[in-house]
Amino acid sequence: MTTKTIELDLHGFGAPPGTARANVAELTTADRLKRSAVVFGAFVTVAIIALPIPIVHFVLVPGGLLLAVLFGALRLRDGVIFRGVQGRCPFCGTEQQFSLFGRFRLPRQVNCVNCRRRLTLEGRR
């Protein structure tokens, strides 16, 4: 896994765009398999635990196995993920850490913690 910092534009409706710095991780095939196996194993464990419980096992076991395959496959496809985003709100000027994790895709909507306005992260042009 290699991490790098990239510059992004932080837009707000009616305000000049600001800049944000995003830490992203590029996952190797082994990293993606590990992440997928952890999620798959967690849901299979839930299905195994629910197996001896009467009535509940009719829903929880098939649901757990279905979710294991679904979320495992989703994690397997993530090649680049967010590790964190820092930036200054274009409206109020507050420097902040945006809570943004998961798959790296742009544009992405975030909210300012101070003025609560909706902001958009976009790639640099």
N, C-alpha and C. Protein backbone atom coordinates (compact mmCIF):
# COMPACT_ATOMS: atom_id res chain seq x y z
N MET A 1 0.86 -1.16 0.00
CA MET A 1 0.00 0.00 0.00
C MET A 1 0.90 1.22 0.00
N THR A 2 0.65 2.09 -0.95
CA THR A 2 1.38 3.35 -1.01
C THR A 2 0.39 4.48 -0.77
N THR A 3 0.81 5.45 0.01
CA THR A 3 -0.04 6.60 0.28
C THR A 3 0.58 7.83 -0.37
N LYS A 4 -0.30 8.71 -0.81
CA LYS A 4 0.16 9.96 -1.40
C LYS A 4 -0.84 11.05 -1.07
N THR A 5 -0.40 12.28 -1.17
CA THR A 5 -1.25 13.44 -0.93
C THR A 5 -1.52 14.14 -2.25
N ILE A 6 -2.79 14.42 -2.49
CA ILE A 6 -3.16 15.11 -3.72
C ILE A 6 -3.94 16.38 -3.36
N GLU A 7 -3.86 17.35 -4.24
CA GLU A 7 -4.57 18.61 -4.07
C GLU A 7 -5.92 18.53 -4.77
N LEU A 8 -6.97 18.97 -4.09
CA LEU A 8 -8.31 18.99 -4.64
C LEU A 8 -8.91 20.38 -4.49
N ASP A 9 -9.91 20.68 -5.31
CA ASP A 9 -10.66 21.93 -5.16
C ASP A 9 -11.82 21.69 -4.22
N LEU A 10 -12.07 22.65 -3.35
CA LEU A 10 -13.18 22.60 -2.40
C LEU A 10 -14.13 23.74 -2.74
N HIS A 11 -15.28 23.39 -3.32
CA HIS A 11 -16.25 24.36 -3.81
C HIS A 11 -17.42 24.48 -2.85
N GLY A 12 -17.95 25.69 -2.78
CA GLY A 12 -19.21 25.95 -2.10
C GLY A 12 -20.01 26.90 -2.97
N PHE A 13 -21.31 26.72 -3.01
CA PHE A 13 -22.15 27.54 -3.88
C PHE A 13 -22.10 29.00 -3.45
N GLY A 14 -21.63 29.87 -4.33
CA GLY A 14 -21.58 31.30 -4.05
C GLY A 14 -20.31 31.76 -3.38
N ALA A 15 -19.31 30.89 -3.25
CA ALA A 15 -18.04 31.27 -2.63
C ALA A 15 -16.90 30.88 -3.56
N PRO A 16 -15.78 31.62 -3.50
CA PRO A 16 -14.65 31.23 -4.35
C PRO A 16 -14.09 29.88 -3.88
N PRO A 17 -13.63 29.05 -4.81
CA PRO A 17 -13.14 27.73 -4.42
C PRO A 17 -11.87 27.80 -3.60
N GLY A 18 -11.75 26.87 -2.68
CA GLY A 18 -10.55 26.75 -1.86
C GLY A 18 -9.81 25.47 -2.24
N THR A 19 -8.75 25.19 -1.50
CA THR A 19 -8.00 23.97 -1.77
C THR A 19 -8.13 23.02 -0.59
N ALA A 20 -8.00 21.76 -0.89
CA ALA A 20 -8.02 20.72 0.14
C ALA A 20 -6.92 19.72 -0.20
N ARG A 21 -6.39 19.07 0.82
CA ARG A 21 -5.37 18.06 0.64
C ARG A 21 -5.95 16.72 1.06
N ALA A 22 -5.91 15.77 0.17
CA ALA A 22 -6.46 14.44 0.44
C ALA A 22 -5.33 13.43 0.52
N ASN A 23 -5.32 12.64 1.58
CA ASN A 23 -4.39 11.52 1.69
C ASN A 23 -5.11 10.29 1.16
N VAL A 24 -4.57 9.72 0.10
CA VAL A 24 -5.17 8.54 -0.51
C VAL A 24 -4.17 7.39 -0.47
N ALA A 25 -4.70 6.19 -0.37
CA ALA A 25 -3.88 4.99 -0.36
C ALA A 25 -4.19 4.17 -1.60
N GLU A 26 -3.15 3.80 -2.31
CA GLU A 26 -3.31 2.91 -3.46
C GLU A 26 -3.05 1.49 -2.97
N LEU A 27 -4.07 0.65 -3.04
CA LEU A 27 -3.99 -0.69 -2.49
C LEU A 27 -3.44 -1.68 -3.51
N THR A 28 -2.55 -2.54 -3.04
CA THR A 28 -2.06 -3.62 -3.89
C THR A 28 -3.11 -4.74 -3.90
N THR A 29 -2.91 -5.71 -4.73
CA THR A 29 -3.85 -6.83 -4.79
C THR A 29 -3.90 -7.57 -3.47
N ALA A 30 -2.77 -7.73 -2.81
CA ALA A 30 -2.75 -8.41 -1.51
C ALA A 30 -3.53 -7.62 -0.45
N ASP A 31 -3.38 -6.29 -0.45
CA ASP A 31 -4.13 -5.45 0.49
C ASP A 31 -5.63 -5.56 0.25
N ARG A 32 -6.01 -5.55 -1.02
CA ARG A 32 -7.44 -5.65 -1.34
C ARG A 32 -8.00 -7.00 -0.92
N LEU A 33 -7.23 -8.08 -1.11
CA LEU A 33 -7.67 -9.40 -0.68
C LEU A 33 -7.81 -9.48 0.84
N LYS A 34 -6.88 -8.86 1.57
CA LYS A 34 -6.97 -8.86 3.04
C LYS A 34 -8.22 -8.13 3.52
N ARG A 35 -8.46 -6.95 2.95
CA ARG A 35 -9.65 -6.19 3.34
C ARG A 35 -10.93 -6.95 3.02
N SER A 36 -10.95 -7.59 1.89
CA SER A 36 -12.11 -8.36 1.49
C SER A 36 -12.31 -9.58 2.39
N ALA A 37 -11.23 -10.25 2.74
CA ALA A 37 -11.32 -11.44 3.58
C ALA A 37 -11.81 -11.11 4.99
N VAL A 38 -11.42 -9.96 5.52
CA VAL A 38 -11.88 -9.56 6.85
C VAL A 38 -13.39 -9.37 6.87
N VAL A 39 -13.92 -8.66 5.88
CA VAL A 39 -15.37 -8.42 5.82
C VAL A 39 -16.11 -9.73 5.56
N PHE A 40 -15.60 -10.54 4.64
CA PHE A 40 -16.22 -11.82 4.34
C PHE A 40 -16.26 -12.69 5.59
N GLY A 41 -15.14 -12.76 6.31
CA GLY A 41 -15.06 -13.57 7.51
C GLY A 41 -16.00 -13.10 8.61
N ALA A 42 -16.17 -11.80 8.74
CA ALA A 42 -17.07 -11.26 9.77
C ALA A 42 -18.51 -11.69 9.53
N PHE A 43 -18.97 -11.58 8.30
CA PHE A 43 -20.36 -11.96 8.01
C PHE A 43 -20.57 -13.48 8.04
N VAL A 44 -19.57 -14.24 7.64
CA VAL A 44 -19.68 -15.70 7.74
C VAL A 44 -19.73 -16.11 9.21
N THR A 45 -18.97 -15.42 10.06
CA THR A 45 -19.01 -15.69 11.50
C THR A 45 -20.39 -15.42 12.07
N VAL A 46 -21.02 -14.34 11.65
CA VAL A 46 -22.39 -14.04 12.09
C VAL A 46 -23.33 -15.15 11.66
N ALA A 47 -23.16 -15.63 10.43
CA ALA A 47 -24.02 -16.71 9.94
C ALA A 47 -23.81 -17.99 10.73
N ILE A 48 -22.58 -18.31 11.09
CA ILE A 48 -22.30 -19.53 11.85
C ILE A 48 -22.84 -19.42 13.27
N ILE A 49 -22.70 -18.25 13.88
CA ILE A 49 -23.23 -18.06 15.24
C ILE A 49 -24.74 -18.18 15.24
N ALA A 50 -25.41 -17.71 14.20
CA ALA A 50 -26.87 -17.74 14.14
C ALA A 50 -27.42 -19.11 13.75
N LEU A 51 -26.58 -20.00 13.31
CA LEU A 51 -27.03 -21.31 12.84
C LEU A 51 -27.84 -22.11 13.87
N PRO A 52 -27.44 -22.21 15.13
CA PRO A 52 -28.22 -23.01 16.08
C PRO A 52 -29.43 -22.29 16.70
N ILE A 53 -29.64 -21.02 16.38
CA ILE A 53 -30.74 -20.26 16.99
C ILE A 53 -32.02 -20.55 16.21
N PRO A 54 -33.05 -21.10 16.87
CA PRO A 54 -34.28 -21.42 16.15
C PRO A 54 -34.96 -20.16 15.59
N ILE A 55 -35.64 -20.31 14.51
CA ILE A 55 -36.41 -19.30 13.79
C ILE A 55 -35.50 -18.21 13.19
N VAL A 56 -34.59 -17.66 13.99
CA VAL A 56 -33.72 -16.58 13.52
C VAL A 56 -32.81 -17.07 12.39
N HIS A 57 -32.41 -18.34 12.44
CA HIS A 57 -31.47 -18.83 11.45
C HIS A 57 -32.07 -18.89 10.04
N PHE A 58 -33.38 -18.84 9.92
CA PHE A 58 -33.99 -18.82 8.59
C PHE A 58 -33.68 -17.53 7.84
N VAL A 59 -33.45 -16.46 8.55
CA VAL A 59 -33.17 -15.16 7.92
C VAL A 59 -31.70 -14.79 8.05
N LEU A 60 -31.13 -14.97 9.25
CA LEU A 60 -29.79 -14.47 9.52
C LEU A 60 -28.69 -15.26 8.79
N VAL A 61 -28.84 -16.56 8.65
CA VAL A 61 -27.80 -17.34 7.97
C VAL A 61 -27.75 -17.01 6.48
N PRO A 62 -28.87 -17.08 5.73
CA PRO A 62 -28.76 -16.70 4.31
C PRO A 62 -28.39 -15.23 4.12
N GLY A 63 -28.92 -14.37 4.99
CA GLY A 63 -28.58 -12.95 4.89
C GLY A 63 -27.11 -12.70 5.16
N GLY A 64 -26.56 -13.36 6.16
CA GLY A 64 -25.14 -13.21 6.48
C GLY A 64 -24.25 -13.69 5.35
N LEU A 65 -24.61 -14.81 4.75
CA LEU A 65 -23.82 -15.33 3.64
C LEU A 65 -23.92 -14.43 2.40
N LEU A 66 -25.11 -13.93 2.15
CA LEU A 66 -25.29 -13.01 1.02
C LEU A 66 -24.50 -11.72 1.22
N LEU A 67 -24.58 -11.17 2.42
CA LEU A 67 -23.84 -9.94 2.70
C LEU A 67 -22.33 -10.18 2.70
N ALA A 68 -21.89 -11.37 3.11
CA ALA A 68 -20.47 -11.70 3.07
C ALA A 68 -19.94 -11.62 1.64
N VAL A 69 -20.67 -12.21 0.72
CA VAL A 69 -20.25 -12.19 -0.68
C VAL A 69 -20.34 -10.78 -1.25
N LEU A 70 -21.43 -10.09 -0.96
CA LEU A 70 -21.64 -8.75 -1.51
C LEU A 70 -20.58 -7.76 -1.02
N PHE A 71 -20.43 -7.63 0.31
CA PHE A 71 -19.48 -6.66 0.84
C PHE A 71 -18.04 -7.08 0.61
N GLY A 72 -17.78 -8.38 0.56
CA GLY A 72 -16.44 -8.84 0.22
C GLY A 72 -16.06 -8.44 -1.20
N ALA A 73 -17.01 -8.59 -2.13
CA ALA A 73 -16.75 -8.20 -3.52
C ALA A 73 -16.58 -6.69 -3.66
N LEU A 74 -17.37 -5.92 -2.90
CA LEU A 74 -17.23 -4.46 -2.96
C LEU A 74 -15.87 -4.01 -2.44
N ARG A 75 -15.40 -4.63 -1.37
CA ARG A 75 -14.09 -4.28 -0.84
C ARG A 75 -12.97 -4.71 -1.79
N LEU A 76 -13.20 -5.78 -2.51
CA LEU A 76 -12.19 -6.29 -3.44
C LEU A 76 -11.97 -5.34 -4.61
N ARG A 77 -13.01 -4.59 -4.98
CA ARG A 77 -12.92 -3.68 -6.11
C ARG A 77 -12.27 -2.34 -5.79
N ASP A 78 -12.15 -1.99 -4.53
CA ASP A 78 -11.58 -0.70 -4.15
C ASP A 78 -10.07 -0.70 -4.36
N GLY A 79 -9.61 0.03 -5.38
CA GLY A 79 -8.18 0.10 -5.66
C GLY A 79 -7.51 1.29 -4.99
N VAL A 80 -8.24 2.38 -4.83
CA VAL A 80 -7.73 3.59 -4.18
C VAL A 80 -8.77 4.03 -3.16
N ILE A 81 -8.32 4.33 -1.94
CA ILE A 81 -9.25 4.73 -0.88
C ILE A 81 -8.76 6.02 -0.22
N PHE A 82 -9.72 6.77 0.34
CA PHE A 82 -9.40 7.96 1.12
C PHE A 82 -8.85 7.55 2.47
N ARG A 83 -7.84 8.27 2.94
CA ARG A 83 -7.35 8.12 4.31
C ARG A 83 -7.70 9.34 5.15
N GLY A 84 -8.00 10.45 4.51
CA GLY A 84 -8.37 11.67 5.22
C GLY A 84 -8.29 12.86 4.29
N VAL A 85 -9.03 13.90 4.62
CA VAL A 85 -9.04 15.11 3.81
C VAL A 85 -8.99 16.32 4.75
N GLN A 86 -8.09 17.25 4.45
CA GLN A 86 -7.98 18.49 5.20
C GLN A 86 -8.20 19.65 4.25
N GLY A 87 -8.85 20.69 4.77
CA GLY A 87 -9.05 21.86 3.93
C GLY A 87 -9.67 23.00 4.73
N ARG A 88 -9.73 24.15 4.07
CA ARG A 88 -10.31 25.35 4.66
C ARG A 88 -11.65 25.61 3.99
N CYS A 89 -12.69 25.80 4.80
CA CYS A 89 -14.03 26.07 4.28
C CYS A 89 -14.02 27.40 3.53
N PRO A 90 -14.53 27.44 2.30
CA PRO A 90 -14.55 28.69 1.55
C PRO A 90 -15.52 29.73 2.13
N PHE A 91 -16.47 29.33 2.95
CA PHE A 91 -17.42 30.26 3.54
C PHE A 91 -16.91 30.89 4.83
N CYS A 92 -16.57 30.06 5.81
CA CYS A 92 -16.21 30.59 7.13
C CYS A 92 -14.71 30.59 7.39
N GLY A 93 -13.92 29.92 6.54
CA GLY A 93 -12.46 29.93 6.68
C GLY A 93 -11.92 28.98 7.73
N THR A 94 -12.72 28.08 8.26
CA THR A 94 -12.27 27.15 9.28
C THR A 94 -11.43 26.04 8.65
N GLU A 95 -10.20 25.88 9.15
CA GLU A 95 -9.35 24.77 8.72
C GLU A 95 -9.81 23.54 9.48
N GLN A 96 -10.08 22.46 8.75
CA GLN A 96 -10.67 21.29 9.39
C GLN A 96 -10.28 20.00 8.71
N GLN A 97 -10.49 18.92 9.43
CA GLN A 97 -10.30 17.57 8.91
C GLN A 97 -11.68 17.03 8.59
N PHE A 98 -11.93 16.74 7.32
CA PHE A 98 -13.22 16.20 6.91
C PHE A 98 -13.21 14.69 7.13
N SER A 99 -14.30 14.18 7.69
CA SER A 99 -14.39 12.73 7.91
C SER A 99 -14.87 12.09 6.62
N LEU A 100 -13.92 11.62 5.86
CA LEU A 100 -14.21 11.06 4.55
C LEU A 100 -13.33 9.84 4.36
N PHE A 101 -13.94 8.69 4.38
CA PHE A 101 -13.20 7.44 4.21
C PHE A 101 -13.90 6.60 3.17
N GLY A 102 -13.26 5.57 2.71
CA GLY A 102 -13.87 4.69 1.73
C GLY A 102 -13.28 4.89 0.35
N ARG A 103 -14.01 4.44 -0.64
CA ARG A 103 -13.54 4.45 -2.02
C ARG A 103 -13.27 5.88 -2.49
N PHE A 104 -12.20 6.04 -3.24
CA PHE A 104 -11.83 7.34 -3.80
C PHE A 104 -12.62 7.55 -5.08
N ARG A 105 -13.55 8.49 -5.02
CA ARG A 105 -14.28 8.90 -6.21
C ARG A 105 -14.64 10.37 -6.04
N LEU A 106 -14.59 11.07 -7.14
CA LEU A 106 -14.88 12.50 -7.14
C LEU A 106 -15.95 12.78 -8.16
N PRO A 107 -16.78 13.78 -8.02
CA PRO A 107 -16.88 14.71 -6.89
C PRO A 107 -17.51 14.05 -5.67
N ARG A 108 -17.22 14.60 -4.52
CA ARG A 108 -17.69 14.07 -3.25
C ARG A 108 -18.25 15.20 -2.40
N GLN A 109 -19.35 14.97 -1.75
CA GLN A 109 -20.00 15.98 -0.91
C GLN A 109 -19.50 15.85 0.53
N VAL A 110 -19.17 17.00 1.16
CA VAL A 110 -18.79 17.06 2.57
C VAL A 110 -19.50 18.25 3.20
N ASN A 111 -19.53 18.28 4.52
CA ASN A 111 -20.13 19.39 5.24
C ASN A 111 -19.10 20.05 6.14
N CYS A 112 -19.17 21.37 6.24
CA CYS A 112 -18.31 22.11 7.16
C CYS A 112 -18.80 21.88 8.59
N VAL A 113 -17.88 21.62 9.51
CA VAL A 113 -18.28 21.38 10.90
C VAL A 113 -18.66 22.67 11.61
N ASN A 114 -18.20 23.80 11.12
CA ASN A 114 -18.47 25.07 11.79
C ASN A 114 -19.76 25.72 11.28
N CYS A 115 -19.85 25.97 9.97
CA CYS A 115 -21.02 26.68 9.43
C CYS A 115 -22.07 25.72 8.86
N ARG A 116 -21.76 24.43 8.81
CA ARG A 116 -22.71 23.38 8.38
C ARG A 116 -23.14 23.49 6.91
N ARG A 117 -22.38 24.18 6.10
CA ARG A 117 -22.74 24.30 4.68
C ARG A 117 -22.19 23.13 3.89
N ARG A 118 -22.88 22.82 2.81
CA ARG A 118 -22.49 21.71 1.92
C ARG A 118 -21.36 22.16 1.02
N LEU A 119 -20.30 21.35 0.94
CA LEU A 119 -19.15 21.64 0.11
C LEU A 119 -18.92 20.46 -0.84
N THR A 120 -18.26 20.73 -1.95
CA THR A 120 -18.00 19.69 -2.93
C THR A 120 -16.51 19.59 -3.18
N LEU A 121 -15.96 18.38 -3.07
CA LEU A 121 -14.57 18.12 -3.41
C LEU A 121 -14.50 17.69 -4.87
N GLU A 122 -13.64 18.35 -5.64
CA GLU A 122 -13.45 18.00 -7.05
C GLU A 122 -11.98 17.97 -7.35
N GLY A 123 -11.62 17.25 -8.41
CA GLY A 123 -10.24 17.18 -8.84
C GLY A 123 -9.78 18.49 -9.42
N ARG A 124 -8.46 18.70 -9.39
CA ARG A 124 -7.87 19.92 -9.94
C ARG A 124 -7.95 19.89 -11.46
N ARG A 125 -8.14 21.05 -12.04
CA ARG A 125 -8.19 21.15 -13.52
C ARG A 125 -6.98 21.82 -14.05
